[in-house]
Protein backbone atom coordinates (compact mmCIF):
# COMPACT_ATOMS: atom_id res chain seq x y z
CA UNK A 1 -14.47 5.86 17.93
CA UNK A 2 -18.10 4.85 19.77
CA UNK A 3 -17.20 4.48 23.94
CA UNK A 4 -20.59 2.95 24.75
CA UNK A 5 -20.83 -0.36 25.75
CA UNK A 6 -21.80 -2.25 22.60
CA UNK A 7 -24.02 -5.62 23.03
CA UNK A 8 -22.78 -8.48 21.85
CA UNK A 9 -24.08 -9.51 18.70
CA UNK A 10 -25.27 -13.22 18.92
CA UNK A 11 -24.08 -16.71 16.91
CA UNK A 12 -27.04 -18.38 14.86
CA UNK A 13 -27.19 -20.80 17.79
CA UNK A 14 -28.31 -18.22 19.83
CA UNK A 15 -24.97 -17.44 22.02
CA UNK A 16 -22.42 -14.48 21.48
CA UNK A 17 -19.59 -14.62 19.28
CA UNK A 18 -16.67 -15.28 21.59
CA UNK A 19 -13.05 -15.19 20.51
CA UNK A 20 -9.86 -16.06 22.32
CA UNK A 21 -6.59 -14.14 21.77
CA UNK A 22 -3.74 -15.99 22.75
CA UNK A 23 -0.96 -13.17 24.20
CA UNK A 24 -1.45 -9.75 25.99
CA UNK A 25 1.54 -8.11 23.95
CA UNK A 26 1.21 -4.97 21.69
CA UNK A 27 -0.81 -7.44 19.13
CA UNK A 28 -3.02 -9.15 21.51
CA UNK A 29 -4.56 -6.07 22.88
CA UNK A 30 -5.01 -4.79 19.57
CA UNK A 31 -7.02 -7.32 18.53
CA UNK A 32 -9.22 -7.74 21.84
CA UNK A 33 -9.65 -3.60 21.39
CA UNK A 34 -10.66 -4.48 17.83
CA UNK A 35 -13.07 -7.27 18.40
CA UNK A 36 -14.62 -5.70 21.91
CA UNK A 37 -15.38 -2.73 20.22
CA UNK A 38 -16.93 -4.42 17.71
CA UNK A 39 -19.41 -5.97 20.29
CA UNK A 40 -17.78 -9.49 20.36
CA UNK A 41 -16.93 -11.09 23.36
CA UNK A 42 -13.25 -11.71 24.13
CA UNK A 43 -11.24 -13.86 26.66
CA UNK A 44 -7.35 -12.46 26.35
CA UNK A 45 -5.11 -15.51 27.53
CA UNK A 46 -1.40 -14.85 28.98
CA UNK A 47 1.11 -16.66 30.48
CA UNK A 48 1.97 -13.26 32.82
CA UNK A 49 0.23 -13.25 36.23
CA UNK A 50 -1.16 -9.77 35.27
CA UNK A 51 -1.61 -8.96 31.81
CA UNK A 52 -3.42 -5.58 32.38
CA UNK A 53 -0.24 -3.76 33.86
CA UNK A 54 -2.15 -3.11 36.99
CA UNK A 55 0.26 -4.42 39.17
CA UNK A 56 4.00 -3.25 38.17
CA UNK A 57 6.85 -5.72 37.95
CA UNK A 58 8.65 -5.42 40.62
CA UNK A 59 12.27 -6.74 42.12
CA UNK A 60 12.52 -8.49 45.10
CA UNK A 61 13.73 -5.52 47.06
CA UNK A 62 10.19 -3.85 45.56
CA UNK A 63 11.82 -1.67 42.76
CA UNK A 64 10.11 -1.32 39.41
CA UNK A 65 11.40 -3.63 36.57
CA UNK A 66 10.58 -4.00 33.04
CA UNK A 67 12.10 -6.47 30.26
CA UNK A 68 13.61 -4.10 27.66
CA UNK A 69 13.22 -0.49 26.98
CA UNK A 70 11.14 0.26 24.24
CA UNK A 71 11.25 3.55 22.36
CA UNK A 72 8.34 5.37 20.28
CA UNK A 73 9.35 6.95 17.32
CA UNK A 74 7.98 9.48 15.09
CA UNK A 75 6.20 7.20 13.06
CA UNK A 76 3.89 5.79 15.64
CA UNK A 77 0.65 7.20 14.41
CA UNK A 78 -1.91 4.51 15.86
CA UNK A 79 -0.04 4.12 19.37
CA UNK A 80 -0.14 7.98 19.26
CA UNK A 81 -3.98 7.91 18.50
CA UNK A 82 -4.36 5.32 21.26
CA UNK A 83 -2.75 6.87 23.63
CA UNK A 84 -4.71 10.02 22.51
CA UNK A 85 -8.17 7.98 22.81
CA UNK A 86 -7.18 6.96 26.73
CA UNK A 87 -6.60 10.55 27.69
CA UNK A 88 -3.04 8.83 29.00
CA UNK A 89 -1.84 12.32 29.43
CA UNK A 90 1.92 13.65 29.11
CA UNK A 91 3.61 10.00 29.49
CA UNK A 92 6.48 10.52 26.86
CA UNK A 93 10.04 12.21 27.21
CA UNK A 94 10.97 14.78 24.54
CA UNK A 95 12.46 13.43 21.37
CA UNK A 96 16.25 12.49 22.75
CA UNK A 97 20.02 12.13 21.59
CA UNK A 98 21.19 8.65 21.22
CA UNK A 99 24.87 7.90 21.58
CA UNK A 100 27.06 5.02 20.36
CA UNK A 101 29.82 3.82 22.56
CA UNK A 102 32.68 1.62 21.58
CA UNK A 103 35.98 0.58 23.56
CA UNK A 104 37.56 3.68 21.68
CA UNK A 105 34.85 5.79 23.36
CA UNK A 106 31.97 7.91 22.01
CA UNK A 107 31.97 6.65 18.13
CA UNK A 108 28.86 8.72 17.03
CA UNK A 109 25.72 10.46 18.32
CA UNK A 110 22.25 10.54 16.51
CA UNK A 111 20.70 14.46 17.06
CA UNK A 112 16.68 14.77 17.32
CA UNK A 113 16.27 15.41 13.77
CA UNK A 114 13.19 17.44 13.69
CA UNK A 115 15.33 20.29 15.22
CA UNK A 116 17.32 20.16 12.58
CA UNK A 117 16.97 22.61 8.94
CA UNK A 118 14.66 20.11 6.98
CA UNK A 119 16.15 18.96 3.95
CA UNK A 120 14.84 15.96 1.21
CA UNK A 121 15.66 12.80 2.54
CA UNK A 122 18.54 11.18 2.68
CA UNK A 123 20.05 14.69 2.45
CA UNK A 124 18.58 16.07 5.52
CA UNK A 125 19.82 12.83 7.70
CA UNK A 126 23.57 13.78 5.84
CA UNK A 127 23.74 17.26 6.31
CA UNK A 128 22.16 16.60 9.84
CA UNK A 129 24.95 14.66 11.42
CA UNK A 130 28.05 15.84 9.01
CA UNK A 131 29.88 16.33 12.46
CA UNK A 132 28.34 13.67 14.41
CA UNK A 133 30.81 10.95 13.63
CA UNK A 134 33.38 11.27 15.59
CA UNK A 135 35.81 8.74 14.25
CA UNK A 136 33.97 7.59 11.08
CA UNK A 137 35.47 9.16 8.31
CA UNK A 138 33.39 10.54 5.65
CA UNK A 139 34.06 8.22 2.83
CA UNK A 140 33.08 5.68 4.85
CA UNK A 141 29.84 7.06 5.26
CA UNK A 142 29.11 7.74 2.13
CA UNK A 143 30.04 4.33 1.34
CA UNK A 144 26.54 3.68 1.84
CA UNK A 145 25.21 4.91 -1.16
CA UNK A 146 24.61 1.80 -2.97
CA UNK A 147 22.37 0.60 -0.24
CA UNK A 148 19.87 4.13 -2.00
CA UNK A 149 19.56 2.25 -4.63
CA UNK A 150 18.46 -1.21 -3.25
CA UNK A 151 15.91 0.39 -1.30
CA UNK A 152 13.98 1.83 -4.25
CA UNK A 153 14.17 -1.67 -5.78
CA UNK A 154 12.77 -3.62 -2.83
CA UNK A 155 9.14 -3.71 -3.48
CA UNK A 156 9.53 -3.73 -7.54
CA UNK A 157 7.66 -7.32 -7.17
CA UNK A 158 7.30 -10.02 -4.99
CA UNK A 159 9.84 -12.00 -6.76
CA UNK A 160 12.75 -9.26 -6.40
CA UNK A 161 11.55 -8.72 -2.55
CA UNK A 162 11.86 -12.45 -2.28
CA UNK A 163 15.30 -12.44 -4.03
CA UNK A 164 16.27 -10.14 -1.54
CA UNK A 165 15.10 -11.87 1.35
CA UNK A 166 16.97 -15.10 0.35
CA UNK A 167 20.18 -13.03 0.63
CA UNK A 168 21.63 -11.83 3.61
CA UNK A 169 22.14 -8.20 4.68
CA UNK A 170 26.16 -8.59 5.25
CA UNK A 171 26.49 -10.16 1.61
CA UNK A 172 24.44 -7.70 0.30
CA UNK A 173 26.84 -5.14 2.30
CA UNK A 174 30.05 -6.16 0.74
CA UNK A 175 28.39 -6.54 -2.86
CA UNK A 176 27.40 -3.07 -2.73
CA UNK A 177 30.82 -1.86 -1.54
CA UNK A 178 29.57 -0.44 1.54
CA UNK A 179 32.86 0.01 3.49
CA UNK A 180 34.19 -2.61 6.92
CA UNK A 181 34.49 0.54 8.98
CA UNK A 182 30.50 1.51 8.03
CA UNK A 183 29.50 -2.51 8.36
CA UNK A 184 31.12 -2.89 11.53
CA UNK A 185 31.56 0.38 13.14
CA UNK A 186 27.80 1.77 12.82
CA UNK A 187 25.23 -1.26 10.64
CA UNK A 188 26.49 -4.43 12.58
CA UNK A 189 25.54 -2.53 16.30
CA UNK A 190 22.51 -1.06 14.61
CA UNK A 191 21.33 -4.36 13.48
CA UNK A 192 22.03 -5.69 16.97
CA UNK A 193 20.03 -3.53 18.57
CA UNK A 194 17.48 -3.18 15.86
CA UNK A 195 16.78 -6.41 14.55
CA UNK A 196 18.96 -8.38 17.47
CA UNK A 197 20.82 -10.09 15.29
CA UNK A 198 24.21 -9.34 13.02
CA UNK A 199 23.89 -8.69 9.25
CA UNK A 200 24.91 -11.91 8.46
CA UNK A 201 21.78 -13.58 10.05
CA UNK A 202 19.24 -11.30 9.35
CA UNK A 203 17.29 -10.81 5.57
CA UNK A 204 18.53 -8.26 3.17
CA UNK A 205 14.95 -7.29 2.71
CA UNK A 206 14.17 -6.94 6.53
CA UNK A 207 17.10 -5.46 6.92
CA UNK A 208 16.54 -2.57 4.44
CA UNK A 209 12.50 -2.09 5.43
CA UNK A 210 14.03 -1.42 8.90
CA UNK A 211 16.73 0.71 7.44
CA UNK A 212 14.21 2.83 5.53
CA UNK A 213 11.50 2.54 7.74
CA UNK A 214 13.51 4.08 10.65
CA UNK A 215 16.42 6.30 9.21
CA UNK A 216 15.68 7.28 5.80
CA UNK A 217 11.89 7.55 5.15
CA UNK A 218 12.18 11.23 6.22
CA UNK A 219 14.64 13.03 7.72
CA UNK A 220 13.07 12.78 11.40
CA UNK A 221 12.36 9.62 11.18
CA UNK A 222 14.92 8.47 13.46
CA UNK A 223 13.30 10.95 16.20
CA UNK A 224 12.28 8.32 19.38
CA UNK A 225 11.24 9.24 22.68
CA UNK A 226 10.68 6.87 25.87
CA UNK A 227 8.18 6.38 28.70
CA UNK A 228 8.93 9.14 31.37
CA UNK A 229 7.55 7.30 34.71
CA UNK A 230 6.71 3.60 35.08
CA UNK A 231 6.08 0.86 32.26
CA UNK A 232 4.56 0.84 28.90
CA UNK A 233 1.65 -1.27 30.52
CA UNK A 234 1.01 0.62 33.14
CA UNK A 235 0.47 3.91 31.25
CA UNK A 236 -1.30 2.04 28.22
CA UNK A 237 -2.38 -1.19 28.80
CA UNK A 238 -3.72 -0.62 32.70
CA UNK A 239 -6.14 1.87 30.91
CA UNK A 240 -7.29 -0.12 27.96
CA UNK A 241 -7.73 -3.15 29.70
CA UNK A 242 -9.65 -1.05 31.97
CA UNK A 243 -11.79 0.09 29.24
CA UNK A 244 -12.48 -2.95 27.96
CA UNK A 245 -13.01 -4.85 30.45
CA UNK A 246 -16.03 -2.22 32.14
CA UNK A 247 -17.36 -1.05 29.05
CA UNK A 248 -16.95 -4.53 26.19
CA UNK A 249 -16.61 -7.35 29.31
CA UNK A 250 -13.51 -8.11 28.19
CA UNK A 251 -12.24 -11.85 30.19
CA UNK A 252 -8.52 -11.65 30.79
CA UNK A 253 -7.26 -14.73 32.32
CA UNK A 254 -3.57 -14.02 33.31
CA UNK A 255 -1.26 -16.76 34.37
CA UNK A 256 -2.71 -19.08 32.09
CA UNK A 257 -1.60 -20.88 29.09
CA UNK A 258 -3.03 -22.17 25.92
CA UNK A 259 -2.25 -25.58 25.98
CA UNK A 260 -4.07 -26.67 22.95
CA UNK A 261 -6.29 -25.13 20.12
CA UNK A 262 -8.69 -28.17 19.00
CA UNK A 263 -10.29 -27.79 15.55
CA UNK A 264 -13.71 -29.95 13.86
CA UNK A 265 -13.57 -33.15 12.18
CA UNK A 266 -13.43 -31.16 8.86
CA UNK A 267 -10.82 -28.87 9.88
CA UNK A 268 -12.56 -26.16 9.16
CA UNK A 269 -13.11 -24.34 12.31
CA UNK A 270 -11.76 -24.16 15.91
CA UNK A 271 -14.19 -26.10 17.81
CA UNK A 272 -12.51 -25.89 21.56
CA UNK A 273 -9.38 -24.00 23.47
CA UNK A 274 -7.79 -26.02 26.79
CA UNK A 275 -6.26 -24.04 29.24
CA UNK A 276 -4.07 -24.72 32.22
CA UNK A 277 -3.32 -22.59 35.21
CA UNK A 278 0.31 -22.01 35.36
CA UNK A 279 0.53 -22.39 38.88
CA UNK A 280 -2.16 -24.83 39.96
CA UNK A 281 -1.63 -26.68 36.61
CA UNK A 282 -5.16 -27.29 36.84
CA UNK A 283 -7.04 -27.86 33.55
CA UNK A 284 -10.06 -26.38 31.78
CA UNK A 285 -11.77 -26.71 28.29
CA UNK A 286 -13.52 -23.32 26.60
CA UNK A 287 -16.18 -25.14 24.25
CA UNK A 288 -18.09 -22.04 22.72
CA UNK A 289 -14.92 -20.43 20.74
CA UNK A 290 -15.80 -18.86 17.46
CA UNK A 291 -12.22 -17.86 16.26
CA UNK A 292 -8.76 -17.66 17.63
CA UNK A 293 -6.15 -14.95 17.33
CA UNK A 294 -2.68 -16.09 17.39
CA UNK A 295 -0.58 -13.18 19.24
CA UNK A 296 2.30 -15.13 19.87
CA UNK A 297 5.67 -15.62 18.24
CA UNK A 298 7.79 -18.80 17.37
CA UNK A 299 8.33 -20.39 20.82
CA UNK A 300 4.78 -19.95 21.84
CA UNK A 301 3.52 -20.93 18.62
CA UNK A 302 5.81 -23.98 18.41
CA UNK A 303 4.51 -25.55 21.73
CA UNK A 304 1.06 -25.15 20.54
CA UNK A 305 1.54 -26.64 17.66
CA UNK A 306 3.13 -29.72 19.16
CA UNK A 307 0.29 -30.15 21.67
CA UNK A 308 -2.17 -29.99 18.84
CA UNK A 309 -1.62 -32.18 16.03
CA UNK A 310 -5.18 -31.96 14.41
CA UNK A 311 -4.42 -28.08 14.30
CA UNK A 312 -0.62 -29.01 12.84
CA UNK A 313 -2.99 -31.13 10.00
CA UNK A 314 -5.05 -28.20 9.42
CA UNK A 315 -2.64 -25.20 9.35
CA UNK A 316 0.44 -26.10 7.59
CA UNK A 317 1.90 -22.80 7.21
CA UNK A 318 1.82 -22.38 11.31
CA UNK A 319 4.31 -25.42 11.39
CA UNK A 320 6.57 -24.05 9.09
CA UNK A 321 6.48 -20.88 10.96
CA UNK A 322 6.81 -22.29 13.96
CA UNK A 323 10.33 -24.11 12.76
CA UNK A 324 11.32 -20.35 12.43
CA UNK A 325 14.32 -19.34 14.92
CA UNK A 326 13.96 -16.99 18.26
CA UNK A 327 16.48 -14.73 19.78
CA UNK A 328 17.63 -14.76 23.72
CA UNK A 329 17.30 -11.26 25.85
CA UNK A 330 18.51 -10.54 28.96
CA UNK A 331 17.58 -7.29 30.62
CA UNK A 332 19.41 -5.79 34.18
CA UNK A 333 19.07 -2.97 35.82
CA UNK A 334 21.58 -1.21 38.04
CA UNK A 335 21.31 1.37 40.91
CA UNK A 336 23.40 3.26 41.64
CA UNK A 337 24.95 5.12 45.12
CA UNK A 338 25.56 8.54 43.28
CA UNK A 339 24.66 10.26 39.95
CA UNK A 340 26.51 9.95 36.75
CA UNK A 341 26.10 12.75 34.45
CA UNK A 342 26.47 11.69 31.11
CA UNK A 343 25.49 13.45 28.44
CA UNK A 344 22.79 10.91 26.65
CA UNK A 345 20.26 9.23 28.33
CA UNK A 346 19.68 6.13 25.46
CA UNK A 347 22.78 4.48 24.33
CA UNK A 348 24.21 1.66 22.28
CA UNK A 349 27.48 -0.37 23.37
CA UNK A 350 29.34 -1.27 19.86
CA UNK A 351 32.65 -3.56 19.21
CA UNK A 352 32.99 -4.89 22.85
CA UNK A 353 34.63 -8.59 22.79
CA UNK A 354 33.08 -8.97 26.52
CA UNK A 355 29.42 -8.99 24.47
CA UNK A 356 30.00 -11.92 23.00
CA UNK A 357 28.49 -11.01 19.62
CA UNK A 358 25.48 -9.36 21.46
CA UNK A 359 23.62 -6.48 21.32
CA UNK A 360 23.99 -3.97 24.14
CA UNK A 361 22.10 -0.80 25.34
CA UNK A 362 21.85 1.23 28.06
CA UNK A 363 19.27 4.16 29.60
CA UNK A 364 19.89 6.53 32.03
CA UNK A 365 16.21 6.37 33.30
CA UNK A 366 17.35 9.02 36.03
CA UNK A 367 17.38 11.05 33.33
CA UNK A 368 14.48 9.68 31.40
CA UNK A 369 12.12 9.73 34.48
CA UNK A 370 13.53 12.71 36.19
CA UNK A 371 10.36 13.93 37.46
CA UNK A 372 9.56 10.17 39.01
CA UNK A 373 12.97 9.64 40.97
CA UNK A 374 11.33 8.01 44.04
CA UNK A 375 9.27 5.87 41.80
CA UNK A 376 12.09 4.37 40.28
CA UNK A 377 13.75 3.61 43.64
CA UNK A 378 10.51 1.48 44.93
CA UNK A 379 9.38 5.11 46.81
CA UNK A 380 12.76 4.32 49.03
CA UNK A 381 15.00 7.84 49.38
CA UNK A 382 16.71 8.10 45.93
CA UNK A 383 20.49 7.96 46.22
CA UNK A 384 21.59 7.98 42.41
CA UNK A 385 21.56 6.94 39.26
CA UNK A 386 19.21 3.48 37.52
CA UNK A 387 20.65 2.44 34.76
CA UNK A 388 18.47 0.02 32.50
CA UNK A 389 20.80 -2.53 30.10
CA UNK A 390 19.04 -5.16 27.52
CA UNK A 391 21.34 -7.92 25.77
CA UNK A 392 20.01 -9.26 22.66
CA UNK A 393 21.26 -12.05 20.72
CA UNK A 394 22.61 -12.82 24.08
CA UNK A 395 22.92 -17.02 24.29
CA UNK A 396 26.39 -16.07 25.59
CA UNK A 397 25.33 -13.23 28.09
CA UNK A 398 22.48 -15.50 29.51
CA UNK A 399 24.67 -18.16 30.51
CA UNK A 400 27.19 -15.67 32.77
CA UNK A 401 26.37 -15.43 36.28
CA UNK A 402 24.35 -12.60 37.39
CA UNK A 403 26.95 -11.19 38.88
CA UNK A 404 29.03 -12.00 36.12
CA UNK A 405 26.59 -9.75 34.07
CA UNK A 406 26.65 -6.67 36.48
CA UNK A 407 30.30 -6.59 36.89
CA UNK A 408 30.52 -6.51 32.77
CA UNK A 409 28.36 -3.41 33.04
CA UNK A 410 29.80 -1.73 36.11
CA UNK A 411 33.10 -2.29 36.21
CA UNK A 412 33.51 -2.46 31.73
CA UNK A 413 31.11 -1.04 29.89
CA UNK A 414 29.51 1.87 30.80
CA UNK A 415 32.84 3.14 32.69
CA UNK A 416 33.74 3.63 28.81
CA UNK A 417 30.53 6.18 28.56
CA UNK A 418 31.81 8.17 31.77
CA UNK A 419 34.62 7.60 34.59
CA UNK A 420 32.63 8.46 37.06
CA UNK A 421 30.98 4.99 36.52
CA UNK A 422 34.11 3.45 38.10
CA UNK A 423 33.63 5.61 41.49
CA UNK A 424 29.98 4.66 41.44
CA UNK A 425 28.94 1.17 44.14
CA UNK A 426 26.00 -0.79 42.69
CA UNK A 427 23.57 -0.67 45.71
CA UNK A 428 21.18 -2.87 44.43
CA UNK A 429 20.42 -5.21 41.41
CA UNK A 430 18.37 -7.20 38.78
CA UNK A 431 18.97 -9.37 36.20
CA UNK A 432 15.82 -12.03 34.01
CA UNK A 433 16.57 -13.79 31.23
CA UNK A 434 14.31 -14.06 28.19
CA UNK A 435 15.08 -17.11 26.10
CA UNK A 436 13.64 -17.21 23.08
CA UNK A 437 11.48 -14.45 23.13
CA UNK A 438 11.99 -12.44 19.74
CA UNK A 439 11.57 -13.43 16.29
CA UNK A 440 14.38 -13.72 13.90
CA UNK A 441 14.35 -12.40 10.40
CA UNK A 442 16.74 -15.08 8.76
CA UNK A 443 17.75 -15.11 5.35
CA UNK A 444 14.42 -16.78 3.67
CA UNK A 445 12.44 -16.37 6.48
CA UNK A 446 9.66 -14.27 4.78
CA UNK A 447 7.73 -17.18 3.03
CA UNK A 448 7.68 -19.24 6.24
CA UNK A 449 6.37 -16.77 8.55
CA UNK A 450 2.58 -17.01 9.40
CA UNK A 451 -0.06 -14.83 7.39
CA UNK A 452 -2.66 -12.82 8.58
CA UNK A 453 -5.39 -15.31 7.43
CA UNK A 454 -4.41 -18.79 7.76
CA UNK A 455 -6.18 -22.34 5.79
CA UNK A 456 -8.70 -22.55 8.99
CA UNK A 457 -10.59 -19.46 8.17
CA UNK A 458 -11.43 -18.78 12.01
CA UNK A 459 -7.96 -18.84 12.88
CA UNK A 460 -6.09 -15.55 12.71
CA UNK A 461 -2.28 -14.40 13.52
CA UNK A 462 -1.32 -11.28 15.02
CA UNK A 463 2.68 -9.82 16.02
CA UNK A 464 5.20 -8.26 14.11
CA UNK A 465 6.62 -11.22 12.54
CA UNK A 466 3.20 -11.67 10.70
CA UNK A 467 2.68 -11.49 7.08
CA UNK A 468 -0.55 -8.65 6.46
CA UNK A 469 -0.75 -8.84 2.84
CA UNK A 470 -2.73 -6.77 1.52
CA UNK A 471 -3.38 -5.07 5.01
CA UNK A 472 0.58 -4.48 5.15
CA UNK A 473 1.35 -1.36 7.17
CA UNK A 474 4.04 0.79 7.12
CA UNK A 475 5.59 -0.12 10.01
CA UNK A 476 8.23 -2.30 9.34
CA UNK A 477 10.85 -4.22 11.66
CA UNK A 478 10.36 -5.31 15.64
CA UNK A 479 8.14 -2.82 15.97
CA UNK A 480 5.33 -1.64 19.08
CA UNK A 481 3.47 -0.03 16.21
CA UNK A 482 3.71 -3.12 13.65
CA UNK A 483 2.42 -5.55 16.65
CA UNK A 484 -0.56 -3.29 17.41
CA UNK A 485 -1.58 -2.57 13.86
CA UNK A 486 -1.48 -6.56 13.27
CA UNK A 487 -3.62 -7.35 15.97
CA UNK A 488 -5.91 -4.57 15.20
CA UNK A 489 -6.35 -5.92 11.41
CA UNK A 490 -6.57 -9.41 12.90
CA UNK A 491 -9.36 -8.46 14.67
CA UNK A 492 -11.36 -6.58 11.63
CA UNK A 493 -10.52 -9.64 9.69
CA UNK A 494 -12.40 -11.96 11.53
CA UNK A 495 -14.84 -9.16 11.33
CA UNK A 496 -14.79 -8.14 7.64
CA UNK A 497 -15.18 -11.51 6.72
CA UNK A 498 -17.82 -12.20 8.89
CA UNK A 499 -16.35 -15.02 10.97
CA UNK A 500 -17.74 -13.88 13.72
CA UNK A 501 -21.02 -11.46 14.31
CA UNK A 502 -20.25 -7.72 15.48
CA UNK A 503 -21.86 -4.39 15.18
CA UNK A 504 -20.37 -4.82 11.33
CA UNK A 505 -17.35 -2.32 11.67
CA UNK A 506 -13.49 -2.48 11.57
CA UNK A 507 -11.32 -0.42 13.37
CA UNK A 508 -9.64 2.52 11.71
CA UNK A 509 -5.82 1.76 10.92
CA UNK A 510 -3.82 5.24 10.27
CA UNK A 511 -0.91 4.43 8.00
CA UNK A 512 2.53 5.84 8.32
CA UNK A 513 3.73 9.30 6.58
CA UNK A 514 3.50 9.03 2.78
CA UNK A 515 6.68 8.83 1.32
CA UNK A 516 8.35 11.47 -0.20
CA UNK A 517 8.23 12.41 -3.37
CA UNK A 518 11.49 11.94 -4.97
CA UNK A 519 11.44 8.06 -3.45
CA UNK A 520 8.27 7.75 -5.03
CA UNK A 521 9.47 9.31 -8.43
CA UNK A 522 12.65 6.99 -7.85
CA UNK A 523 10.64 3.70 -7.31
CA UNK A 524 8.93 4.41 -10.26
CA UNK A 525 11.74 4.57 -12.67
CA UNK A 526 13.16 1.88 -11.22
CA UNK A 527 10.68 -0.01 -12.30
CA UNK A 528 9.89 1.59 -15.63
CA UNK A 529 13.85 0.60 -16.38
CA UNK A 530 14.32 -2.44 -14.72
CA UNK A 531 11.06 -4.47 -15.90
CA UNK A 532 11.64 -4.23 -19.57
CA UNK A 533 15.29 -5.41 -19.06
CA UNK A 534 14.33 -8.25 -17.41
CA UNK A 535 11.53 -9.29 -19.48
CA UNK A 536 14.20 -9.62 -22.16
CA UNK A 537 16.94 -11.33 -19.97
CA UNK A 538 19.19 -9.10 -19.92
CA UNK A 539 21.91 -8.95 -17.59
CA UNK A 540 23.30 -5.86 -16.10
CA UNK A 541 25.19 -7.16 -13.04
CA UNK A 542 26.02 -3.26 -12.48
CA UNK A 543 22.88 -2.32 -12.12
CA UNK A 544 20.50 -5.09 -11.21
CA UNK A 545 21.98 -5.10 -7.69
CA UNK A 546 19.80 -8.00 -6.76
CA UNK A 547 20.87 -9.78 -9.53
CA UNK A 548 24.35 -8.92 -8.52
CA UNK A 549 24.18 -9.90 -5.06
CA UNK A 550 22.26 -13.10 -5.04
CA UNK A 551 25.08 -14.24 -7.88
CA UNK A 552 27.77 -13.25 -4.82
CA UNK A 553 25.72 -14.98 -2.07
CA UNK A 554 25.76 -18.16 -4.59
CA UNK A 555 29.50 -17.82 -4.62
CA UNK A 556 30.37 -17.09 -1.87
CA UNK A 557 27.43 -17.34 1.02
CA UNK A 558 29.60 -14.46 3.21
CA UNK A 559 31.84 -12.86 1.33
CA UNK A 560 35.54 -12.70 2.17
CA UNK A 561 35.61 -14.15 5.23
CA UNK A 562 37.64 -11.64 6.38
CA UNK A 563 34.94 -8.77 5.70
CA UNK A 564 32.66 -10.97 7.41
CA UNK A 565 33.12 -9.64 10.97
CA UNK A 566 36.69 -8.40 11.39
CA UNK A 567 35.64 -6.41 14.91
CA UNK A 568 34.29 -9.22 16.43
CA UNK A 569 35.07 -12.50 17.63
CA UNK A 570 36.09 -15.42 15.67
CA UNK A 571 33.15 -17.76 14.42
């Protein structure tokens, strides 16, 4: 990647091409990078006071705080390449073991799969975890076998994919004969912290994509590591922003909302963007706009479309996308007066009724940031463990007071993992709520999700919920890698289609590892057998799982109600 400053190319009227990128998450920064390095003038807009990450987010007492603790999985090639390109250095922990906890205690651990002898997937995962489930019988674990076939069948055609997307994951699990215990003790808590909703509220297609990408593509796909000091923004967004600002004249407008996007009278192009300063409520208009990248979720898109009537008429697909649901998140940090020697730094809560249907995680930051203890305490003298906990699908948790959430963690949830939490005193804490902050992949949502390229050629979308068409990437689900790659592809689309004039090159995008040979062969054989059967109109419900599952969902939307969520609260 060339590092030298590149001159901005000009539009026919003589001024440089100008793109407004709305949203400064992974997708927004990806788009800004692709465009800036192609010589395009870029303005990056976000409501956060400092989207660049140069100023750490802190609590009232001056201690660091980050919304969500996000892992970096083995198959994040583009983020890994960015880290190397920025010279960020050794910012990650080693790959770590994760643990699942229930009211009964330790349920399972996920080892570092790359440390075990390597076998073809999924045999390698089964061998590596043979002794890692403390309570779940092996016959329950083996009941997942039917799901392996559906993963081979998922991409057989667009029609088949859509059929799986129309189905909820719980109905698919029940139809496939997956045991209640495996669903409720492993799959349900995994989905609550992976896609942030229970299986009856999730698309079966997206669920299978997630499980395959993170856990089944290769034996070590589930290996995960974490930032070992400070925050993601400080380690990656800050140096990237400095580079783009100094070398490519990126303009970053923090504390600013895009209030309206105006299109030309013929609805063929963007003509201006209206901004509002969050603090002063003052409004300004950018008139010289040639393209817009919508790097926002459903909540931000809904607000934008509501205030941009001409745009809504021009891009009905974005109106449909704005109607999709989103998920509440609550993040908390506890600073304790003693160190708790828990064996696992990354942990998942499972089957706790007090979670009120939410998914929960907790992380021992004093272990992950073991060489940066004083920074964890805001440069105060460290006293003990620092725990970060995140709750997803957290509407009920968000309605609790801060003190109730702290007490839930300190008195009920954490002591299950180690009794020493009972004796620890919380010396400082912070709770923050993020309503409607995460995309919901509900059944039937795929066709409504925003496309990379829209009806207005100069408007593109970026984010982990965006349909990427022929630029689709192997990273799936709610995923930092997917969001970043989609941002790169959004910028590349504007360059490739000459919506903006730049240096003429697209940003490289690295693919994830190829599927293993047995998976490629399985998909080919399944297609070879199933396509002629479907063409003849034959019904083989014992073999065509998609048809069988669809029939099940029509006759009983959630299957036997006793199987829907026997371990959870009543509906």
